[in-house]
Amino acid sequence: MGKHNEFGKEGEQIAVDFLKKNGYIIKYKNYRYLQAEIDIIARKGDILAIVEVRSRSSDFIENIAETVTAKKIKLLVMAADHYVTDNNLDVEVRFDIITILKNKSKFELEHLESAFYHF
């Protein structure tokens, strides 16, 4: 596994730990439907958070959250709809982004709730 993939998995675990610490129940990690993948599906009360995790090192210039493309959003919405329907859930679905910036040996995490909306 390449260093990029290892860091991505490490970032996802940091995000899972953060969500658990903040009262979320992790329902699924790396949920796949057709060509879509949701990094984390977490629930807190009646809210189902569909979480995209973006990990970068400090030398990355672009705003991390802005790396989630319209195509990726469309795929996340499709997969979330399938998960909710398949599990017969009656919940509010929210799309979040968790960004993890690695600066030397330190990690900075930002949780953007309702990062985007679907129509």
PDB file of N, CA and C in Angstrom:
ATOM      1  N   MET A   1       0.848  -1.187   0.000  1.00  0.00           N
ATOM      2  CA  MET A   1       0.000   0.000   0.000  1.00  0.00           C
ATOM      3  C   MET A   1       0.887   1.241   0.000  1.00  0.00           C
ATOM      4  N   GLY A   2       0.581   2.196  -0.863  1.00  0.00           N
ATOM      5  CA  GLY A   2       1.377   3.415  -0.945  1.00  0.00           C
ATOM      6  C   GLY A   2       1.182   4.307   0.268  1.00  0.00           C
ATOM      7  N   LYS A   3       2.147   5.208   0.461  1.00  0.00           N
ATOM      8  CA  LYS A   3       2.062   6.128   1.605  1.00  0.00           C
ATOM      9  C   LYS A   3       0.789   6.962   1.561  1.00  0.00           C
ATOM     10  N   HIS A   4       0.349   7.352   0.347  1.00  0.00           N
ATOM     11  CA  HIS A   4      -0.881   8.142   0.198  1.00  0.00           C
ATOM     12  C   HIS A   4      -2.077   7.362   0.737  1.00  0.00           C
ATOM     13  N   ASN A   5      -2.191   6.082   0.372  1.00  0.00           N
ATOM     14  CA  ASN A   5      -3.304   5.254   0.846  1.00  0.00           C
ATOM     15  C   ASN A   5      -3.242   5.035   2.347  1.00  0.00           C
ATOM     16  N   GLU A   6      -2.027   4.823   2.866  1.00  0.00           N
ATOM     17  CA  GLU A   6      -1.875   4.634   4.314  1.00  0.00           C
ATOM     18  C   GLU A   6      -2.333   5.881   5.058  1.00  0.00           C
ATOM     19  N   PHE A   7      -1.941   7.053   4.563  1.00  0.00           N
ATOM     20  CA  PHE A   7      -2.332   8.309   5.194  1.00  0.00           C
ATOM     21  C   PHE A   7      -3.844   8.503   5.088  1.00  0.00           C
ATOM     22  N   GLY A   8      -4.434   8.111   3.959  1.00  0.00           N
ATOM     23  CA  GLY A   8      -5.890   8.202   3.794  1.00  0.00           C
ATOM     24  C   GLY A   8      -6.616   7.348   4.809  1.00  0.00           C
ATOM     25  N   LYS A   9      -6.147   6.119   5.012  1.00  0.00           N
ATOM     26  CA  LYS A   9      -6.762   5.212   5.999  1.00  0.00           C
ATOM     27  C   LYS A   9      -6.567   5.761   7.410  1.00  0.00           C
ATOM     28  N   GLU A  10      -5.385   6.309   7.677  1.00  0.00           N
ATOM     29  CA  GLU A  10      -5.121   6.902   8.987  1.00  0.00           C
ATOM     30  C   GLU A  10      -6.061   8.086   9.219  1.00  0.00           C
ATOM     31  N   GLY A  11      -6.259   8.888   8.179  1.00  0.00           N
ATOM     32  CA  GLY A  11      -7.168  10.025   8.274  1.00  0.00           C
ATOM     33  C   GLY A  11      -8.595   9.588   8.561  1.00  0.00           C
ATOM     34  N   GLU A  12      -9.037   8.519   7.897  1.00  0.00           N
ATOM     35  CA  GLU A  12     -10.384   8.002   8.148  1.00  0.00           C
ATOM     36  C   GLU A  12     -10.532   7.526   9.587  1.00  0.00           C
ATOM     37  N   GLN A  13      -9.495   6.889  10.128  1.00  0.00           N
ATOM     38  CA  GLN A  13      -9.564   6.425  11.519  1.00  0.00           C
ATOM     39  C   GLN A  13      -9.597   7.597  12.490  1.00  0.00           C
ATOM     40  N   ILE A  14      -8.843   8.648  12.210  1.00  0.00           N
ATOM     41  CA  ILE A  14      -8.873   9.859  13.038  1.00  0.00           C
ATOM     42  C   ILE A  14     -10.282  10.451  13.013  1.00  0.00           C
ATOM     43  N   ALA A  15     -10.903  10.462  11.837  1.00  0.00           N
ATOM     44  CA  ALA A  15     -12.271  10.987  11.697  1.00  0.00           C
ATOM     45  C   ALA A  15     -13.263  10.133  12.483  1.00  0.00           C
ATOM     46  N   VAL A  16     -13.135   8.803  12.400  1.00  0.00           N
ATOM     47  CA  VAL A  16     -14.013   7.889  13.152  1.00  0.00           C
ATOM     48  C   VAL A  16     -13.877   8.159  14.646  1.00  0.00           C
ATOM     49  N   ASP A  17     -12.654   8.256  15.132  1.00  0.00           N
ATOM     50  CA  ASP A  17     -12.420   8.514  16.563  1.00  0.00           C
ATOM     51  C   ASP A  17     -13.044   9.845  16.980  1.00  0.00           C
ATOM     52  N   PHE A  18     -12.893  10.868  16.142  1.00  0.00           N
ATOM     53  CA  PHE A  18     -13.470  12.182  16.415  1.00  0.00           C
ATOM     54  C   PHE A  18     -14.996  12.096  16.500  1.00  0.00           C
ATOM     55  N   LEU A  19     -15.609  11.437  15.532  1.00  0.00           N
ATOM     56  CA  LEU A  19     -17.071  11.319  15.522  1.00  0.00           C
ATOM     57  C   LEU A  19     -17.580  10.572  16.752  1.00  0.00           C
ATOM     58  N   LYS A  20     -16.936   9.459  17.087  1.00  0.00           N
ATOM     59  CA  LYS A  20     -17.347   8.688  18.279  1.00  0.00           C
ATOM     60  C   LYS A  20     -17.251   9.552  19.531  1.00  0.00           C
ATOM     61  N   LYS A  21     -16.156  10.293  19.647  1.00  0.00           N
ATOM     62  CA  LYS A  21     -15.943  11.163  20.815  1.00  0.00           C
ATOM     63  C   LYS A  21     -17.023  12.232  20.905  1.00  0.00           C
ATOM     64  N   ASN A  22     -17.622  12.580  19.756  1.00  0.00           N
ATOM     65  CA  ASN A  22     -18.649  13.623  19.717  1.00  0.00           C
ATOM     66  C   ASN A  22     -20.066  13.061  19.636  1.00  0.00           C
ATOM     67  N   GLY A  23     -20.245  11.810  20.067  1.00  0.00           N
ATOM     68  CA  GLY A  23     -21.584  11.252  20.236  1.00  0.00           C
ATOM     69  C   GLY A  23     -22.185  10.562  19.027  1.00  0.00           C
ATOM     70  N   TYR A  24     -21.401  10.368  17.976  1.00  0.00           N
ATOM     71  CA  TYR A  24     -21.909   9.676  16.792  1.00  0.00           C
ATOM     72  C   TYR A  24     -21.711   8.166  16.937  1.00  0.00           C
ATOM     73  N   ILE A  25     -22.622   7.426  16.345  1.00  0.00           N
ATOM     74  CA  ILE A  25     -22.487   5.977  16.257  1.00  0.00           C
ATOM     75  C   ILE A  25     -22.088   5.674  14.820  1.00  0.00           C
ATOM     76  N   ILE A  26     -20.978   4.986  14.649  1.00  0.00           N
ATOM     77  CA  ILE A  26     -20.511   4.645  13.306  1.00  0.00           C
ATOM     78  C   ILE A  26     -21.330   3.460  12.811  1.00  0.00           C
ATOM     79  N   LYS A  27     -22.054   3.684  11.717  1.00  0.00           N
ATOM     80  CA  LYS A  27     -22.907   2.639  11.153  1.00  0.00           C
ATOM     81  C   LYS A  27     -22.179   1.848  10.077  1.00  0.00           C
ATOM     82  N   TYR A  28     -21.287   2.511   9.347  1.00  0.00           N
ATOM     83  CA  TYR A  28     -20.621   1.837   8.234  1.00  0.00           C
ATOM     84  C   TYR A  28     -19.372   2.625   7.847  1.00  0.00           C
ATOM     85  N   LYS A  29     -18.311   1.910   7.485  1.00  0.00           N
ATOM     86  CA  LYS A  29     -17.110   2.539   6.933  1.00  0.00           C
ATOM     87  C   LYS A  29     -16.908   1.987   5.525  1.00  0.00           C
ATOM     88  N   ASN A  30     -16.549   2.864   4.613  1.00  0.00           N
ATOM     89  CA  ASN A  30     -16.280   2.491   3.223  1.00  0.00           C
ATOM     90  C   ASN A  30     -17.456   1.750   2.585  1.00  0.00           C
ATOM     91  N   TYR A  31     -18.648   2.352   2.709  1.00  0.00           N
ATOM     92  CA  TYR A  31     -19.865   1.797   2.113  1.00  0.00           C
ATOM     93  C   TYR A  31     -19.806   1.979   0.601  1.00  0.00           C
ATOM     94  N   ARG A  32     -19.997   0.891  -0.131  1.00  0.00           N
ATOM     95  CA  ARG A  32     -19.927   0.937  -1.591  1.00  0.00           C
ATOM     96  C   ARG A  32     -21.286   0.626  -2.211  1.00  0.00           C
ATOM     97  N   TYR A  33     -21.620   1.402  -3.233  1.00  0.00           N
ATOM     98  CA  TYR A  33     -22.806   1.148  -4.048  1.00  0.00           C
ATOM     99  C   TYR A  33     -22.457   1.556  -5.477  1.00  0.00           C
ATOM    100  N   LEU A  34     -22.524   0.592  -6.386  1.00  0.00           N
ATOM    101  CA  LEU A  34     -22.106   0.794  -7.775  1.00  0.00           C
ATOM    102  C   LEU A  34     -20.700   1.410  -7.778  1.00  0.00           C
ATOM    103  N   GLN A  35     -20.519   2.569  -8.423  1.00  0.00           N
ATOM    104  CA  GLN A  35     -19.175   3.152  -8.463  1.00  0.00           C
ATOM    105  C   GLN A  35     -18.930   4.174  -7.347  1.00  0.00           C
ATOM    106  N   ALA A  36     -19.846   4.263  -6.416  1.00  0.00           N
ATOM    107  CA  ALA A  36     -19.744   5.246  -5.334  1.00  0.00           C
ATOM    108  C   ALA A  36     -19.211   4.607  -4.057  1.00  0.00           C
ATOM    109  N   GLU A  37     -18.523   5.420  -3.274  1.00  0.00           N
ATOM    110  CA  GLU A  37     -18.083   4.973  -1.949  1.00  0.00           C
ATOM    111  C   GLU A  37     -18.259   6.116  -0.953  1.00  0.00           C
ATOM    112  N   ILE A  38     -18.860   5.774   0.181  1.00  0.00           N
ATOM    113  CA  ILE A  38     -19.007   6.727   1.284  1.00  0.00           C
ATOM    114  C   ILE A  38     -17.974   6.333   2.325  1.00  0.00           C
ATOM    115  N   ASP A  39     -17.134   7.288   2.734  1.00  0.00           N
ATOM    116  CA  ASP A  39     -16.081   6.981   3.702  1.00  0.00           C
ATOM    117  C   ASP A  39     -16.671   6.528   5.039  1.00  0.00           C
ATOM    118  N   ILE A  40     -17.602   7.324   5.579  1.00  0.00           N
ATOM    119  CA  ILE A  40     -18.193   7.014   6.886  1.00  0.00           C
ATOM    120  C   ILE A  40     -19.678   7.346   6.864  1.00  0.00           C
ATOM    121  N   ILE A  41     -20.473   6.431   7.382  1.00  0.00           N
ATOM    122  CA  ILE A  41     -21.891   6.701   7.640  1.00  0.00           C
ATOM    123  C   ILE A  41     -22.037   6.663   9.157  1.00  0.00           C
ATOM    124  N   ALA A  42     -22.465   7.781   9.726  1.00  0.00           N
ATOM    125  CA  ALA A  42     -22.561   7.884  11.184  1.00  0.00           C
ATOM    126  C   ALA A  42     -23.928   8.436  11.562  1.00  0.00           C
ATOM    127  N   ARG A  43     -24.398   8.023  12.734  1.00  0.00           N
ATOM    128  CA  ARG A  43     -25.710   8.488  13.180  1.00  0.00           C
ATOM    129  C   ARG A  43     -25.601   9.147  14.551  1.00  0.00           C
ATOM    130  N   LYS A  44     -26.320  10.251  14.668  1.00  0.00           N
ATOM    131  CA  LYS A  44     -26.431  10.945  15.952  1.00  0.00           C
ATOM    132  C   LYS A  44     -27.877  11.377  16.061  1.00  0.00           C
ATOM    133  N   GLY A  45     -28.625  10.713  16.929  1.00  0.00           N
ATOM    134  CA  GLY A  45     -30.051  10.989  17.045  1.00  0.00           C
ATOM    135  C   GLY A  45     -30.759  10.632  15.754  1.00  0.00           C
ATOM    136  N   ASP A  46     -31.537  11.571  15.223  1.00  0.00           N
ATOM    137  CA  ASP A  46     -32.266  11.344  13.973  1.00  0.00           C
ATOM    138  C   ASP A  46     -31.508  11.826  12.745  1.00  0.00           C
ATOM    139  N   ILE A  47     -30.221  12.123  12.915  1.00  0.00           N
ATOM    140  CA  ILE A  47     -29.421  12.602  11.788  1.00  0.00           C
ATOM    141  C   ILE A  47     -28.467  11.506  11.343  1.00  0.00           C
ATOM    142  N   LEU A  48     -28.499  11.239  10.050  1.00  0.00           N
ATOM    143  CA  LEU A  48     -27.557  10.318   9.444  1.00  0.00           C
ATOM    144  C   LEU A  48     -26.546  11.176   8.697  1.00  0.00           C
ATOM    145  N   ALA A  49     -25.302  11.137   9.158  1.00  0.00           N
ATOM    146  CA  ALA A  49     -24.245  11.933   8.539  1.00  0.00           C
ATOM    147  C   ALA A  49     -23.486  11.080   7.535  1.00  0.00           C
ATOM    148  N   ILE A  50     -23.486  11.554   6.305  1.00  0.00           N
ATOM    149  CA  ILE A  50     -22.713  10.942   5.233  1.00  0.00           C
ATOM    150  C   ILE A  50     -21.418  11.746   5.189  1.00  0.00           C
ATOM    151  N   VAL A  51     -20.309  11.105   5.560  1.00  0.00           N
ATOM    152  CA  VAL A  51     -19.069  11.851   5.793  1.00  0.00           C
ATOM    153  C   VAL A  51     -18.007  11.501   4.749  1.00  0.00           C
ATOM    154  N   GLU A  52     -17.553  12.519   4.069  1.00  0.00           N
ATOM    155  CA  GLU A  52     -16.425  12.402   3.154  1.00  0.00           C
ATOM    156  C   GLU A  52     -15.189  12.888   3.905  1.00  0.00           C
ATOM    157  N   VAL A  53     -14.147  12.059   3.949  1.00  0.00           N
ATOM    158  CA  VAL A  53     -12.923  12.416   4.664  1.00  0.00           C
ATOM    159  C   VAL A  53     -11.867  12.806   3.632  1.00  0.00           C
ATOM    160  N   ARG A  54     -11.264  13.956   3.843  1.00  0.00           N
ATOM    161  CA  ARG A  54     -10.193  14.421   2.965  1.00  0.00           C
ATOM    162  C   ARG A  54      -8.951  14.682   3.819  1.00  0.00           C
ATOM    163  N   SER A  55      -7.887  13.970   3.517  1.00  0.00           N
ATOM    164  CA  SER A  55      -6.627  14.105   4.255  1.00  0.00           C
ATOM    165  C   SER A  55      -5.564  14.671   3.326  1.00  0.00           C
ATOM    166  N   ARG A  56      -4.816  15.630   3.831  1.00  0.00           N
ATOM    167  CA  ARG A  56      -3.742  16.238   3.045  1.00  0.00           C
ATOM    168  C   ARG A  56      -2.579  16.588   3.966  1.00  0.00           C
ATOM    169  N   SER A  57      -1.407  16.700   3.349  1.00  0.00           N
ATOM    170  CA  SER A  57      -0.253  17.180   4.103  1.00  0.00           C
ATOM    171  C   SER A  57      -0.204  18.702   4.003  1.00  0.00           C
ATOM    172  N   SER A  58       0.568  19.314   4.839  1.00  0.00           N
ATOM    173  CA  SER A  58       0.555  20.780   4.949  1.00  0.00           C
ATOM    174  C   SER A  58       1.046  21.486   3.691  1.00  0.00           C
ATOM    175  N   ASP A  59       1.725  20.780   2.794  1.00  0.00           N
ATOM    176  CA  ASP A  59       2.224  21.454   1.596  1.00  0.00           C
ATOM    177  C   ASP A  59       1.195  21.507   0.476  1.00  0.00           C
ATOM    178  N   PHE A  60      -0.031  21.137   0.771  1.00  0.00           N
ATOM    179  CA  PHE A  60      -1.092  21.144  -0.221  1.00  0.00           C
ATOM    180  C   PHE A  60      -1.734  22.522  -0.239  1.00  0.00           C
ATOM    181  N   ILE A  61      -1.792  23.152  -1.407  1.00  0.00           N
ATOM    182  CA  ILE A  61      -2.235  24.544  -1.509  1.00  0.00           C
ATOM    183  C   ILE A  61      -3.759  24.697  -1.485  1.00  0.00           C
ATOM    184  N   GLU A  62      -4.448  23.877  -2.269  1.00  0.00           N
ATOM    185  CA  GLU A  62      -5.899  24.014  -2.462  1.00  0.00           C
ATOM    186  C   GLU A  62      -6.671  23.792  -1.159  1.00  0.00           C
ATOM    187  N   ASN A  63      -7.793  24.511  -0.997  1.00  0.00           N
ATOM    188  CA  ASN A  63      -8.679  24.289   0.139  1.00  0.00           C
ATOM    189  C   ASN A  63      -9.169  22.839   0.071  1.00  0.00           C
ATOM    190  N   ILE A  64      -8.920  22.083   1.113  1.00  0.00           N
ATOM    191  CA  ILE A  64      -9.207  20.646   1.085  1.00  0.00           C
ATOM    192  C   ILE A  64     -10.676  20.370   0.786  1.00  0.00           C
ATOM    193  N   ALA A  65     -11.575  21.081   1.445  1.00  0.00           N
ATOM    194  CA  ALA A  65     -13.012  20.833   1.273  1.00  0.00           C
ATOM    195  C   ALA A  65     -13.442  21.067  -0.174  1.00  0.00           C
ATOM    196  N   GLU A  66     -12.767  21.969  -0.867  1.00  0.00           N
ATOM    197  CA  GLU A  66     -13.139  22.278  -2.246  1.00  0.00           C
ATOM    198  C   GLU A  66     -12.715  21.195  -3.231  1.00  0.00           C
ATOM    199  N   THR A  67     -12.028  20.156  -2.758  1.00  0.00           N
ATOM    200  CA  THR A  67     -11.623  19.069  -3.651  1.00  0.00           C
ATOM    201  C   THR A  67     -12.750  18.059  -3.867  1.00  0.00           C
ATOM    202  N   VAL A  68     -13.889  18.251  -3.199  1.00  0.00           N
ATOM    203  CA  VAL A  68     -15.047  17.386  -3.415  1.00  0.00           C
ATOM    204  C   VAL A  68     -15.799  17.927  -4.635  1.00  0.00           C
ATOM    205  N   THR A  69     -15.728  17.183  -5.728  1.00  0.00           N
ATOM    206  CA  THR A  69     -16.275  17.638  -7.011  1.00  0.00           C
ATOM    207  C   THR A  69     -17.786  17.406  -7.096  1.00  0.00           C
ATOM    208  N   ALA A  70     -18.403  18.033  -8.088  1.00  0.00           N
ATOM    209  CA  ALA A  70     -19.841  17.835  -8.331  1.00  0.00           C
ATOM    210  C   ALA A  70     -20.126  16.365  -8.630  1.00  0.00           C
ATOM    211  N   LYS A  71     -19.245  15.719  -9.370  1.00  0.00           N
ATOM    212  CA  LYS A  71     -19.426  14.295  -9.674  1.00  0.00           C
ATOM    213  C   LYS A  71     -19.389  13.463  -8.393  1.00  0.00           C
ATOM    214  N   LYS A  72     -18.439  13.775  -7.501  1.00  0.00           N
ATOM    215  CA  LYS A  72     -18.326  13.047  -6.234  1.00  0.00           C
ATOM    216  C   LYS A  72     -19.582  13.267  -5.391  1.00  0.00           C
ATOM    217  N   ILE A  73     -20.090  14.483  -5.366  1.00  0.00           N
ATOM    218  CA  ILE A  73     -21.311  14.780  -4.614  1.00  0.00           C
ATOM    219  C   ILE A  73     -22.474  13.958  -5.163  1.00  0.00           C
ATOM    220  N   LYS A  74     -22.600  13.897  -6.488  1.00  0.00           N
ATOM    221  CA  LYS A  74     -23.673  13.124  -7.120  1.00  0.00           C
ATOM    222  C   LYS A  74     -23.578  11.648  -6.722  1.00  0.00           C
ATOM    223  N   LEU A  75     -22.359  11.112  -6.712  1.00  0.00           N
ATOM    224  CA  LEU A  75     -22.153   9.713  -6.315  1.00  0.00           C
ATOM    225  C   LEU A  75     -22.489   9.499  -4.832  1.00  0.00           C
ATOM    226  N   LEU A  76     -22.094  10.445  -3.978  1.00  0.00           N
ATOM    227  CA  LEU A  76     -22.405  10.335  -2.546  1.00  0.00           C
ATOM    228  C   LEU A  76     -23.912  10.350  -2.311  1.00  0.00           C
ATOM    229  N   VAL A  77     -24.611  11.238  -3.014  1.00  0.00           N
ATOM    230  CA  VAL A  77     -26.065  11.333  -2.872  1.00  0.00           C
ATOM    231  C   VAL A  77     -26.722  10.025  -3.313  1.00  0.00           C
ATOM    232  N   MET A  78     -26.268   9.472  -4.429  1.00  0.00           N
ATOM    233  CA  MET A  78     -26.818   8.215  -4.939  1.00  0.00           C
ATOM    234  C   MET A  78     -26.597   7.079  -3.928  1.00  0.00           C
ATOM    235  N   ALA A  79     -25.384   6.966  -3.405  1.00  0.00           N
ATOM    236  CA  ALA A  79     -25.072   5.904  -2.454  1.00  0.00           C
ATOM    237  C   ALA A  79     -25.829   6.096  -1.141  1.00  0.00           C
ATOM    238  N   ALA A  80     -25.945   7.347  -0.679  1.00  0.00           N
ATOM    239  CA  ALA A  80     -26.687   7.628   0.557  1.00  0.00           C
ATOM    240  C   ALA A  80     -28.158   7.262   0.391  1.00  0.00           C
ATOM    241  N   ASP A  81     -28.731   7.615  -0.748  1.00  0.00           N
ATOM    242  CA  ASP A  81     -30.125   7.288  -1.028  1.00  0.00           C
ATOM    243  C   ASP A  81     -30.326   5.771  -1.002  1.00  0.00           C
ATOM    244  N   HIS A  82     -29.391   5.050  -1.598  1.00  0.00           N
ATOM    245  CA  HIS A  82     -29.478   3.586  -1.609  1.00  0.00           C
ATOM    246  C   HIS A  82     -29.392   3.031  -0.183  1.00  0.00           C
ATOM    247  N   TYR A  83     -28.461   3.546   0.619  1.00  0.00           N
ATOM    248  CA  TYR A  83     -28.282   3.069   1.998  1.00  0.00           C
ATOM    249  C   TYR A  83     -29.549   3.301   2.819  1.00  0.00           C
ATOM    250  N   VAL A  84     -30.109   4.513   2.717  1.00  0.00           N
ATOM    251  CA  VAL A  84     -31.310   4.861   3.492  1.00  0.00           C
ATOM    252  C   VAL A  84     -32.489   3.993   3.059  1.00  0.00           C
ATOM    253  N   THR A  85     -32.673   3.842   1.752  1.00  0.00           N
ATOM    254  CA  THR A  85     -33.777   3.039   1.216  1.00  0.00           C
ATOM    255  C   THR A  85     -33.613   1.566   1.577  1.00  0.00           C
ATOM    256  N   ASP A  86     -32.399   1.054   1.375  1.00  0.00           N
ATOM    257  CA  ASP A  86     -32.100  -0.352   1.634  1.00  0.00           C
ATOM    258  C   ASP A  86     -32.312  -0.726   3.106  1.00  0.00           C
ATOM    259  N   ASN A  87     -32.047   0.237   3.994  1.00  0.00           N
ATOM    260  CA  ASN A  87     -32.183  -0.009   5.439  1.00  0.00           C
ATOM    261  C   ASN A  87     -33.489   0.535   6.002  1.00  0.00           C
ATOM    262  N   ASN A  88     -34.365   1.026   5.116  1.00  0.00           N
ATOM    263  CA  ASN A  88     -35.690   1.522   5.511  1.00  0.00           C
ATOM    264  C   ASN A  88     -35.602   2.517   6.672  1.00  0.00           C
ATOM    265  N   LEU A  89     -34.737   3.506   6.531  1.00  0.00           N
ATOM    266  CA  LEU A  89     -34.503   4.478   7.594  1.00  0.00           C
ATOM    267  C   LEU A  89     -35.384   5.712   7.425  1.00  0.00           C
ATOM    268  N   ASP A  90     -35.811   6.248   8.549  1.00  0.00           N
ATOM    269  CA  ASP A  90     -36.561   7.499   8.562  1.00  0.00           C
ATOM    270  C   ASP A  90     -35.701   8.507   9.320  1.00  0.00           C
ATOM    271  N   VAL A  91     -34.771   9.103   8.614  1.00  0.00           N
ATOM    272  CA  VAL A  91     -33.804  10.012   9.230  1.00  0.00           C
ATOM    273  C   VAL A  91     -33.586  11.230   8.348  1.00  0.00           C
ATOM    274  N   GLU A  92     -33.026  12.266   8.954  1.00  0.00           N
ATOM    275  CA  GLU A  92     -32.568  13.415   8.184  1.00  0.00           C
ATOM    276  C   GLU A  92     -31.157  13.075   7.726  1.00  0.00           C
ATOM    277  N   VAL A  93     -30.894  13.227   6.443  1.00  0.00           N
ATOM    278  CA  VAL A  93     -29.565  12.932   5.915  1.00  0.00           C
ATOM    279  C   VAL A  93     -28.798  14.236   5.750  1.00  0.00           C
ATOM    280  N   ARG A  94     -27.573  14.222   6.252  1.00  0.00           N
ATOM    281  CA  ARG A  94     -26.724  15.407   6.173  1.00  0.00           C
ATOM    282  C   ARG A  94     -25.389  14.989   5.557  1.00  0.00           C
ATOM    283  N   PHE A  95     -24.850  15.830   4.704  1.00  0.00           N
ATOM    284  CA  PHE A  95     -23.575  15.533   4.045  1.00  0.00           C
ATOM    285  C   PHE A  95     -22.482  16.398   4.672  1.00  0.00           C
ATOM    286  N   ASP A  96     -21.520  15.731   5.303  1.00  0.00           N
ATOM    287  CA  ASP A  96     -20.439  16.415   5.992  1.00  0.00           C
ATOM    288  C   ASP A  96     -19.105  16.128   5.312  1.00  0.00           C
ATOM    289  N   ILE A  97     -18.167  17.014   5.542  1.00  0.00           N
ATOM    290  CA  ILE A  97     -16.787  16.776   5.127  1.00  0.00           C
ATOM    291  C   ILE A  97     -15.922  16.925   6.375  1.00  0.00           C
ATOM    292  N   ILE A  98     -15.045  15.980   6.580  1.00  0.00           N
ATOM    293  CA  ILE A  98     -14.041  16.114   7.628  1.00  0.00           C
ATOM    294  C   ILE A  98     -12.700  16.238   6.923  1.00  0.00           C
ATOM    295  N   THR A  99     -12.012  17.349   7.184  1.00  0.00           N
ATOM    296  CA  THR A  99     -10.693  17.543   6.598  1.00  0.00           C
ATOM    297  C   THR A  99      -9.644  17.305   7.672  1.00  0.00           C
ATOM    298  N   ILE A 100      -8.583  16.645   7.254  1.00  0.00           N
ATOM    299  CA  ILE A 100      -7.481  16.364   8.169  1.00  0.00           C
ATOM    300  C   ILE A 100      -6.216  16.852   7.496  1.00  0.00           C
ATOM    301  N   LEU A 101      -5.576  17.805   8.125  1.00  0.00           N
ATOM    302  CA  LEU A 101      -4.350  18.383   7.612  1.00  0.00           C
ATOM    303  C   LEU A 101      -3.206  17.897   8.482  1.00  0.00           C
ATOM    304  N   LYS A 102      -2.256  17.223   7.853  1.00  0.00           N
ATOM    305  CA  LYS A 102      -1.088  16.724   8.585  1.00  0.00           C
ATOM    306  C   LYS A 102       0.029  17.747   8.455  1.00  0.00           C
ATOM    307  N   ASN A 103       0.461  18.239   9.600  1.00  0.00           N
ATOM    308  CA  ASN A 103       1.545  19.214   9.652  1.00  0.00           C
ATOM    309  C   ASN A 103       2.646  18.609  10.503  1.00  0.00           C
ATOM    310  N   LYS A 104       3.666  18.077   9.861  1.00  0.00           N
ATOM    311  CA  LYS A 104       4.730  17.313  10.515  1.00  0.00           C
ATOM    312  C   LYS A 104       4.100  16.119  11.230  1.00  0.00           C
ATOM    313  N   SER A 105       4.140  16.069  12.554  1.00  0.00           N
ATOM    314  CA  SER A 105       3.562  14.915  13.262  1.00  0.00           C
ATOM    315  C   SER A 105       2.218  15.255  13.901  1.00  0.00           C
ATOM    316  N   LYS A 106       1.716  16.464  13.617  1.00  0.00           N
ATOM    317  CA  LYS A 106       0.474  16.940  14.226  1.00  0.00           C
ATOM    318  C   LYS A 106      -0.647  16.924  13.194  1.00  0.00           C
ATOM    319  N   PHE A 107      -1.863  16.637  13.643  1.00  0.00           N
ATOM    320  CA  PHE A 107      -3.029  16.621  12.756  1.00  0.00           C
ATOM    321  C   PHE A 107      -4.003  17.724  13.164  1.00  0.00           C
ATOM    322  N   GLU A 108      -4.523  18.446  12.157  1.00  0.00           N
ATOM    323  CA  GLU A 108      -5.572  19.430  12.398  1.00  0.00           C
ATOM    324  C   GLU A 108      -6.835  18.906  11.732  1.00  0.00           C
ATOM    325  N   LEU A 109      -7.906  18.797  12.492  1.00  0.00           N
ATOM    326  CA  LEU A 109      -9.160  18.267  11.974  1.00  0.00           C
ATOM    327  C   LEU A 109     -10.206  19.368  11.951  1.00  0.00           C
ATOM    328  N   GLU A 110     -10.959  19.423  10.858  1.00  0.00           N
ATOM    329  CA  GLU A 110     -12.086  20.351  10.757  1.00  0.00           C
ATOM    330  C   GLU A 110     -13.299  19.560  10.295  1.00  0.00           C
ATOM    331  N   HIS A 111     -14.412  19.722  11.010  1.00  0.00           N
ATOM    332  CA  HIS A 111     -15.663  19.029  10.680  1.00  0.00           C
ATOM    333  C   HIS A 111     -16.629  20.052  10.102  1.00  0.00           C
ATOM    334  N   LEU A 112     -16.911  19.920   8.814  1.00  0.00           N
ATOM    335  CA  LEU A 112     -17.846  20.828   8.145  1.00  0.00           C
ATOM    336  C   LEU A 112     -19.198  20.127   8.036  1.00  0.00           C
ATOM    337  N   GLU A 113     -20.125  20.494   8.912  1.00  0.00           N
ATOM    338  CA  GLU A 113     -21.461  19.899   8.866  1.00  0.00           C
ATOM    339  C   GLU A 113     -22.257  20.545   7.741  1.00  0.00           C
ATOM    340  N   SER A 114     -23.138  19.758   7.131  1.00  0.00           N
ATOM    341  CA  SER A 114     -23.948  20.252   6.006  1.00  0.00           C
ATOM    342  C   SER A 114     -23.062  20.974   4.988  1.00  0.00           C
ATOM    343  N   ALA A 115     -22.015  20.300   4.573  1.00  0.00           N
ATOM    344  CA  ALA A 115     -21.021  20.908   3.672  1.00  0.00           C
ATOM    345  C   ALA A 115     -21.594  21.198   2.290  1.00  0.00           C
ATOM    346  N   PHE A 116     -22.586  20.419   1.891  1.00  0.00           N
ATOM    347  CA  PHE A 116     -23.267  20.664   0.633  1.00  0.00           C
ATOM    348  C   PHE A 116     -24.669  20.107   0.705  1.00  0.00           C
ATOM    349  N   TYR A 117     -25.495  20.582  -0.194  1.00  0.00           N
ATOM    350  CA  TYR A 117     -26.888  20.168  -0.214  1.00  0.00           C
ATOM    351  C   TYR A 117     -27.173  19.491  -1.547  1.00  0.00           C
ATOM    352  N   HIS A 118     -28.121  18.575  -1.549  1.00  0.00           N
ATOM    353  CA  HIS A 118     -28.526  17.963  -2.805  1.00  0.00           C
ATOM    354  C   HIS A 118     -29.958  18.383  -3.109  1.00  0.00           C
ATOM    355  N   PHE A 119     -30.303  18.346  -4.373  1.00  0.00           N
ATOM    356  CA  PHE A 119     -31.627  18.792  -4.795  1.00  0.00           C
ATOM    357  C   PHE A 119     -32.342  17.678  -5.509  1.00  0.00           C
TER     358      PHE A 119
END
